[in-house]
């Protein structure tokens, strides 16, 4: 460059998830915001390292970037720790222990169901979950993707059948609301009134 000319600022750059913002130049250990050529010199670009993609990316995925050093002097490469996070949420009456939110990939979250109050003589039972492969009302899940789940509950009512002509067979104690049952009576001899059978 010609003597007296102004050295332009270093160009912006990026390295993976780190954005490099130009700060100025380093010459013989000293920092300069701008340079004018007055003699032969060796200048190295100085950058401020900042996360390029902080926070949510969409679709229930987020990235957390922690930059090891705030400044980078060329040709030094920026060092950063990158963690991928996934959004975990469960519709009521389900819940995520710790609340819905972003959890690091590979972490374990506890998901459960708070059973609602049923009418007298009835109860709710867990019948699986939509969006999650859970066999019980409580589960520990490894976060490997975004999770949006909702528990499926079935209301059951207690059934009590009696007859004075024998015993009732094929009648379950608890029945899903809306199901049809077909109980049968196994007759026994009843003398009522004696001597009639």
C-alpha atoms as a PDB file:
ATOM      1  CA  UNK A   1       0.000   0.000   0.000  1.00  0.00           C
ATOM      2  CA  UNK A   2       1.148   3.544  -0.655  1.00  0.00           C
ATOM      3  CA  UNK A   3       2.561   5.557   2.213  1.00  0.00           C
ATOM      4  CA  UNK A   4      -0.107   7.650   3.914  1.00  0.00           C
ATOM      5  CA  UNK A   5      -2.988   5.474   2.744  1.00  0.00           C
ATOM      6  CA  UNK A   6      -5.670   4.304   5.205  1.00  0.00           C
ATOM      7  CA  UNK A   7      -5.859   0.558   5.897  1.00  0.00           C
ATOM      8  CA  UNK A   8      -9.511  -0.568   5.664  1.00  0.00           C
ATOM      9  CA  UNK A   9     -11.114  -2.372   8.601  1.00  0.00           C
ATOM     10  CA  UNK A  10     -10.847  -6.161   8.608  1.00  0.00           C
ATOM     11  CA  UNK A  11     -13.790  -7.844   6.852  1.00  0.00           C
ATOM     12  CA  UNK A  12     -16.502  -9.508   8.987  1.00  0.00           C
ATOM     13  CA  UNK A  13     -16.163 -13.292   9.185  1.00  0.00           C
ATOM     14  CA  UNK A  14     -17.822 -16.378  10.646  1.00  0.00           C
ATOM     15  CA  UNK A  15     -16.595 -19.738  11.876  1.00  0.00           C
ATOM     16  CA  UNK A  16     -19.319 -22.287  12.505  1.00  0.00           C
ATOM     17  CA  UNK A  17     -21.664 -20.962  15.183  1.00  0.00           C
ATOM     18  CA  UNK A  18     -19.365 -18.001  15.956  1.00  0.00           C
ATOM     19  CA  UNK A  19     -19.611 -14.591  14.281  1.00  0.00           C
ATOM     20  CA  UNK A  20     -16.424 -12.523  14.095  1.00  0.00           C
ATOM     21  CA  UNK A  21     -17.003  -8.766  14.370  1.00  0.00           C
ATOM     22  CA  UNK A  22     -14.022  -6.625  13.296  1.00  0.00           C
ATOM     23  CA  UNK A  23     -12.469  -4.572  16.118  1.00  0.00           C
ATOM     24  CA  UNK A  24      -9.304  -3.283  14.439  1.00  0.00           C
ATOM     25  CA  UNK A  25      -5.659  -4.225  13.970  1.00  0.00           C
ATOM     26  CA  UNK A  26      -2.827  -5.470  16.133  1.00  0.00           C
ATOM     27  CA  UNK A  27       0.666  -4.194  15.305  1.00  0.00           C
ATOM     28  CA  UNK A  28       3.639  -5.253  17.433  1.00  0.00           C
ATOM     29  CA  UNK A  29       1.366  -6.097  20.372  1.00  0.00           C
ATOM     30  CA  UNK A  30      -0.620  -2.836  20.301  1.00  0.00           C
ATOM     31  CA  UNK A  31      -4.258  -2.476  19.215  1.00  0.00           C
ATOM     32  CA  UNK A  32      -5.461   0.146  16.750  1.00  0.00           C
ATOM     33  CA  UNK A  33      -9.015   0.908  15.638  1.00  0.00           C
ATOM     34  CA  UNK A  34      -7.655   2.274  12.326  1.00  0.00           C
ATOM     35  CA  UNK A  35      -4.270   2.295  10.585  1.00  0.00           C
ATOM     36  CA  UNK A  36      -2.402   4.667   8.315  1.00  0.00           C
ATOM     37  CA  UNK A  37       0.605   3.360   6.415  1.00  0.00           C
ATOM     38  CA  UNK A  38       3.664   5.351   7.491  1.00  0.00           C
ATOM     39  CA  UNK A  39       6.302   2.627   7.378  1.00  0.00           C
ATOM     40  CA  UNK A  40       6.497  -1.117   6.661  1.00  0.00           C
ATOM     41  CA  UNK A  41       4.349  -3.007   9.141  1.00  0.00           C
ATOM     42  CA  UNK A  42       2.769  -6.401   9.841  1.00  0.00           C
ATOM     43  CA  UNK A  43      -0.809  -6.074  11.077  1.00  0.00           C
ATOM     44  CA  UNK A  44      -3.071  -8.836  12.276  1.00  0.00           C
ATOM     45  CA  UNK A  45      -6.860  -8.509  12.276  1.00  0.00           C
ATOM     46  CA  UNK A  46      -8.548  -8.407  15.691  1.00  0.00           C
ATOM     47  CA  UNK A  47     -12.122  -9.681  16.012  1.00  0.00           C
ATOM     48  CA  UNK A  48     -14.738  -9.820  18.753  1.00  0.00           C
ATOM     49  CA  UNK A  49     -16.224 -13.327  18.896  1.00  0.00           C
ATOM     50  CA  UNK A  50     -20.001 -13.520  19.367  1.00  0.00           C
ATOM     51  CA  UNK A  51     -22.556 -16.327  18.978  1.00  0.00           C
ATOM     52  CA  UNK A  52     -23.852 -16.394  15.409  1.00  0.00           C
ATOM     53  CA  UNK A  53     -27.028 -18.318  16.214  1.00  0.00           C
ATOM     54  CA  UNK A  54     -28.122 -17.643  19.782  1.00  0.00           C
ATOM     55  CA  UNK A  55     -31.418 -19.017  21.065  1.00  0.00           C
ATOM     56  CA  UNK A  56     -34.314 -20.705  19.264  1.00  0.00           C
ATOM     57  CA  UNK A  57     -33.914 -21.856  15.670  1.00  0.00           C
ATOM     58  CA  UNK A  58     -37.577 -22.830  15.182  1.00  0.00           C
ATOM     59  CA  UNK A  59     -39.303 -26.226  15.179  1.00  0.00           C
ATOM     60  CA  UNK A  60     -38.626 -26.678  18.900  1.00  0.00           C
ATOM     61  CA  UNK A  61     -34.841 -26.558  18.517  1.00  0.00           C
ATOM     62  CA  UNK A  62     -32.420 -24.054  20.024  1.00  0.00           C
ATOM     63  CA  UNK A  63     -28.654 -23.622  20.135  1.00  0.00           C
ATOM     64  CA  UNK A  64     -26.654 -22.322  23.061  1.00  0.00           C
ATOM     65  CA  UNK A  65     -23.194 -21.059  22.108  1.00  0.00           C
ATOM     66  CA  UNK A  66     -20.567 -20.182  24.729  1.00  0.00           C
ATOM     67  CA  UNK A  67     -17.510 -18.463  23.278  1.00  0.00           C
ATOM     68  CA  UNK A  68     -14.258 -19.328  25.099  1.00  0.00           C
ATOM     69  CA  UNK A  69     -12.451 -16.043  24.325  1.00  0.00           C
ATOM     70  CA  UNK A  70     -14.111 -12.723  23.554  1.00  0.00           C
ATOM     71  CA  UNK A  71     -11.345 -11.620  21.184  1.00  0.00           C
ATOM     72  CA  UNK A  72      -9.649 -13.494  18.376  1.00  0.00           C
ATOM     73  CA  UNK A  73      -6.451 -12.352  16.617  1.00  0.00           C
ATOM     74  CA  UNK A  74      -5.973 -13.740  13.104  1.00  0.00           C
ATOM     75  CA  UNK A  75      -5.046 -16.542  12.358  1.00  0.00           C
ATOM     76  CA  UNK A  76      -6.340 -17.740  15.738  1.00  0.00           C
ATOM     77  CA  UNK A  77      -9.585 -19.744  15.432  1.00  0.00           C
ATOM     78  CA  UNK A  78     -12.480 -19.025  17.805  1.00  0.00           C
ATOM     79  CA  UNK A  79     -13.163 -21.722  20.391  1.00  0.00           C
ATOM     80  CA  UNK A  80     -16.787 -22.230  21.373  1.00  0.00           C
ATOM     81  CA  UNK A  81     -18.949 -24.770  23.178  1.00  0.00           C
ATOM     82  CA  UNK A  82     -22.148 -25.498  21.306  1.00  0.00           C
ATOM     83  CA  UNK A  83     -25.133 -27.165  23.000  1.00  0.00           C
ATOM     84  CA  UNK A  84     -28.281 -28.197  21.177  1.00  0.00           C
ATOM     85  CA  UNK A  85     -31.520 -27.774  23.119  1.00  0.00           C
ATOM     86  CA  UNK A  86     -34.999 -29.174  22.454  1.00  0.00           C
ATOM     87  CA  UNK A  87     -38.373 -27.874  23.608  1.00  0.00           C
ATOM     88  CA  UNK A  88     -40.299 -30.246  25.878  1.00  0.00           C
ATOM     89  CA  UNK A  89     -43.976 -29.652  26.697  1.00  0.00           C
ATOM     90  CA  UNK A  90     -46.893 -31.834  27.817  1.00  0.00           C
ATOM     91  CA  UNK A  91     -50.544 -30.795  27.706  1.00  0.00           C
ATOM     92  CA  UNK A  92     -52.601 -30.847  30.907  1.00  0.00           C
ATOM     93  CA  UNK A  93     -53.335 -32.896  32.884  1.00  0.00           C
ATOM     94  CA  UNK A  94     -49.795 -33.976  32.015  1.00  0.00           C
ATOM     95  CA  UNK A  95     -46.731 -32.100  33.205  1.00  0.00           C
ATOM     96  CA  UNK A  96     -42.962 -31.851  32.803  1.00  0.00           C
ATOM     97  CA  UNK A  97     -41.086 -31.822  36.097  1.00  0.00           C
ATOM     98  CA  UNK A  98     -39.316 -28.475  36.035  1.00  0.00           C
ATOM     99  CA  UNK A  99     -41.895 -27.006  33.669  1.00  0.00           C
ATOM    100  CA  UNK A 100     -42.058 -26.821  29.877  1.00  0.00           C
ATOM    101  CA  UNK A 101     -39.048 -25.325  28.144  1.00  0.00           C
ATOM    102  CA  UNK A 102     -35.761 -25.999  26.365  1.00  0.00           C
ATOM    103  CA  UNK A 103     -33.682 -28.914  27.691  1.00  0.00           C
ATOM    104  CA  UNK A 104     -30.166 -29.951  26.552  1.00  0.00           C
ATOM    105  CA  UNK A 105     -29.940 -32.866  24.136  1.00  0.00           C
ATOM    106  CA  UNK A 106     -29.169 -36.061  26.042  1.00  0.00           C
ATOM    107  CA  UNK A 107     -30.627 -34.826  29.333  1.00  0.00           C
ATOM    108  CA  UNK A 108     -33.332 -36.801  31.137  1.00  0.00           C
ATOM    109  CA  UNK A 109     -36.703 -35.239  31.995  1.00  0.00           C
ATOM    110  CA  UNK A 110     -39.497 -36.689  34.113  1.00  0.00           C
ATOM    111  CA  UNK A 111     -42.956 -36.546  32.561  1.00  0.00           C
ATOM    112  CA  UNK A 112     -46.117 -37.427  34.484  1.00  0.00           C
ATOM    113  CA  UNK A 113     -49.895 -37.081  34.717  1.00  0.00           C
ATOM    114  CA  UNK A 114     -51.975 -35.510  37.487  1.00  0.00           C
ATOM    115  CA  UNK A 115     -55.220 -37.466  37.389  1.00  0.00           C
ATOM    116  CA  UNK A 116     -58.284 -35.194  37.401  1.00  0.00           C
ATOM    117  CA  UNK A 117     -61.088 -35.756  39.883  1.00  0.00           C
ATOM    118  CA  UNK A 118     -63.717 -38.162  38.568  1.00  0.00           C
ATOM    119  CA  UNK A 119     -67.424 -38.337  39.488  1.00  0.00           C
ATOM    120  CA  UNK A 120     -68.332 -40.580  42.445  1.00  0.00           C
ATOM    121  CA  UNK A 121     -67.966 -44.265  41.586  1.00  0.00           C
ATOM    122  CA  UNK A 122     -65.668 -43.521  38.653  1.00  0.00           C
ATOM    123  CA  UNK A 123     -61.948 -43.028  38.057  1.00  0.00           C
ATOM    124  CA  UNK A 124     -59.539 -41.991  35.331  1.00  0.00           C
ATOM    125  CA  UNK A 125     -56.888 -44.415  34.080  1.00  0.00           C
ATOM    126  CA  UNK A 126     -53.860 -43.724  31.891  1.00  0.00           C
ATOM    127  CA  UNK A 127     -54.305 -45.123  28.369  1.00  0.00           C
ATOM    128  CA  UNK A 128     -51.079 -44.037  26.688  1.00  0.00           C
ATOM    129  CA  UNK A 129     -49.735 -40.810  25.335  1.00  0.00           C
ATOM    130  CA  UNK A 130     -49.877 -39.018  21.995  1.00  0.00           C
ATOM    131  CA  UNK A 131     -46.461 -37.851  20.810  1.00  0.00           C
ATOM    132  CA  UNK A 132     -44.547 -39.954  23.325  1.00  0.00           C
ATOM    133  CA  UNK A 133     -43.999 -43.674  23.780  1.00  0.00           C
ATOM    134  CA  UNK A 134     -44.926 -43.965  27.460  1.00  0.00           C
ATOM    135  CA  UNK A 135     -46.432 -47.070  29.026  1.00  0.00           C
ATOM    136  CA  UNK A 136     -47.097 -45.560  32.440  1.00  0.00           C
ATOM    137  CA  UNK A 137     -48.450 -42.338  33.884  1.00  0.00           C
ATOM    138  CA  UNK A 138     -44.870 -41.385  34.862  1.00  0.00           C
ATOM    139  CA  UNK A 139     -41.815 -41.765  32.652  1.00  0.00           C
ATOM    140  CA  UNK A 140     -38.207 -40.634  32.428  1.00  0.00           C
ATOM    141  CA  UNK A 141     -37.431 -39.565  28.879  1.00  0.00           C
ATOM    142  CA  UNK A 142     -34.059 -38.905  27.227  1.00  0.00           C
ATOM    143  CA  UNK A 143     -34.323 -35.664  25.257  1.00  0.00           C
ATOM    144  CA  UNK A 144     -33.243 -36.451  21.702  1.00  0.00           C
ATOM    145  CA  UNK A 145     -35.749 -34.310  19.790  1.00  0.00           C
ATOM    146  CA  UNK A 146     -38.492 -31.760  20.494  1.00  0.00           C
ATOM    147  CA  UNK A 147     -41.267 -33.359  22.549  1.00  0.00           C
ATOM    148  CA  UNK A 148     -44.895 -32.258  22.414  1.00  0.00           C
ATOM    149  CA  UNK A 149     -47.065 -34.838  24.122  1.00  0.00           C
ATOM    150  CA  UNK A 150     -50.536 -35.157  25.568  1.00  0.00           C
ATOM    151  CA  UNK A 151     -51.726 -37.972  27.831  1.00  0.00           C
ATOM    152  CA  UNK A 152     -54.776 -40.040  26.933  1.00  0.00           C
ATOM    153  CA  UNK A 153     -57.080 -40.780  29.857  1.00  0.00           C
ATOM    154  CA  UNK A 154     -60.087 -43.087  29.972  1.00  0.00           C
ATOM    155  CA  UNK A 155     -62.892 -42.761  32.493  1.00  0.00           C
ATOM    156  CA  UNK A 156     -63.980 -46.010  34.094  1.00  0.00           C
ATOM    157  CA  UNK A 157     -66.959 -46.592  36.363  1.00  0.00           C
ATOM    158  CA  UNK A 158     -67.450 -49.310  38.960  1.00  0.00           C
ATOM    159  CA  UNK A 159     -70.040 -51.947  38.043  1.00  0.00           C
ATOM    160  CA  UNK A 160     -71.781 -53.969  40.732  1.00  0.00           C
ATOM    161  CA  UNK A 161     -74.361 -56.568  39.665  1.00  0.00           C
ATOM    162  CA  UNK A 162     -76.284 -58.926  41.947  1.00  0.00           C
ATOM    163  CA  UNK A 163     -79.077 -61.422  41.524  1.00  0.00           C
ATOM    164  CA  UNK A 164     -81.050 -63.569  43.958  1.00  0.00           C
ATOM    165  CA  UNK A 165     -81.106 -66.411  41.433  1.00  0.00           C
ATOM    166  CA  UNK A 166     -77.423 -67.353  41.429  1.00  0.00           C
ATOM    167  CA  UNK A 167     -74.138 -65.598  40.780  1.00  0.00           C
ATOM    168  CA  UNK A 168     -73.127 -63.075  38.105  1.00  0.00           C
ATOM    169  CA  UNK A 169     -70.279 -64.086  35.768  1.00  0.00           C
ATOM    170  CA  UNK A 170     -68.354 -62.153  33.085  1.00  0.00           C
ATOM    171  CA  UNK A 171     -68.973 -58.782  34.776  1.00  0.00           C
ATOM    172  CA  UNK A 172     -65.795 -56.762  35.323  1.00  0.00           C
ATOM    173  CA  UNK A 173     -65.577 -54.502  38.359  1.00  0.00           C
ATOM    174  CA  UNK A 174     -64.387 -51.441  36.345  1.00  0.00           C
ATOM    175  CA  UNK A 175     -65.688 -50.645  32.844  1.00  0.00           C
ATOM    176  CA  UNK A 176     -64.698 -47.910  30.388  1.00  0.00           C
ATOM    177  CA  UNK A 177     -67.470 -45.363  29.887  1.00  0.00           C
ATOM    178  CA  UNK A 178     -69.254 -46.228  26.650  1.00  0.00           C
ATOM    179  CA  UNK A 179     -68.229 -49.907  26.613  1.00  0.00           C
ATOM    180  CA  UNK A 180     -70.871 -52.630  26.441  1.00  0.00           C
ATOM    181  CA  UNK A 181     -70.625 -55.571  28.838  1.00  0.00           C
ATOM    182  CA  UNK A 182     -72.472 -58.884  28.565  1.00  0.00           C
ATOM    183  CA  UNK A 183     -72.736 -60.404  32.017  1.00  0.00           C
ATOM    184  CA  UNK A 184     -74.483 -63.731  32.537  1.00  0.00           C
ATOM    185  CA  UNK A 185     -76.144 -65.369  35.491  1.00  0.00           C
ATOM    186  CA  UNK A 186     -75.103 -68.808  36.687  1.00  0.00           C
ATOM    187  CA  UNK A 187     -78.357 -70.011  38.318  1.00  0.00           C
ATOM    188  CA  UNK A 188     -78.645 -71.813  41.621  1.00  0.00           C
ATOM    189  CA  UNK A 189     -81.602 -73.526  43.230  1.00  0.00           C
ATOM    190  CA  UNK A 190     -83.666 -71.040  45.222  1.00  0.00           C
ATOM    191  CA  UNK A 191     -86.557 -72.188  47.400  1.00  0.00           C
ATOM    192  CA  UNK A 192     -88.773 -69.122  47.552  1.00  0.00           C
ATOM    193  CA  UNK A 193     -91.406 -69.428  48.929  1.00  0.00           C
ATOM    194  CA  UNK A 194     -91.005 -73.017  50.150  1.00  0.00           C
ATOM    195  CA  UNK A 195     -91.884 -75.518  48.666  1.00  0.00           C
ATOM    196  CA  UNK A 196     -91.741 -73.846  45.247  1.00  0.00           C
ATOM    197  CA  UNK A 197     -88.447 -74.157  43.294  1.00  0.00           C
END
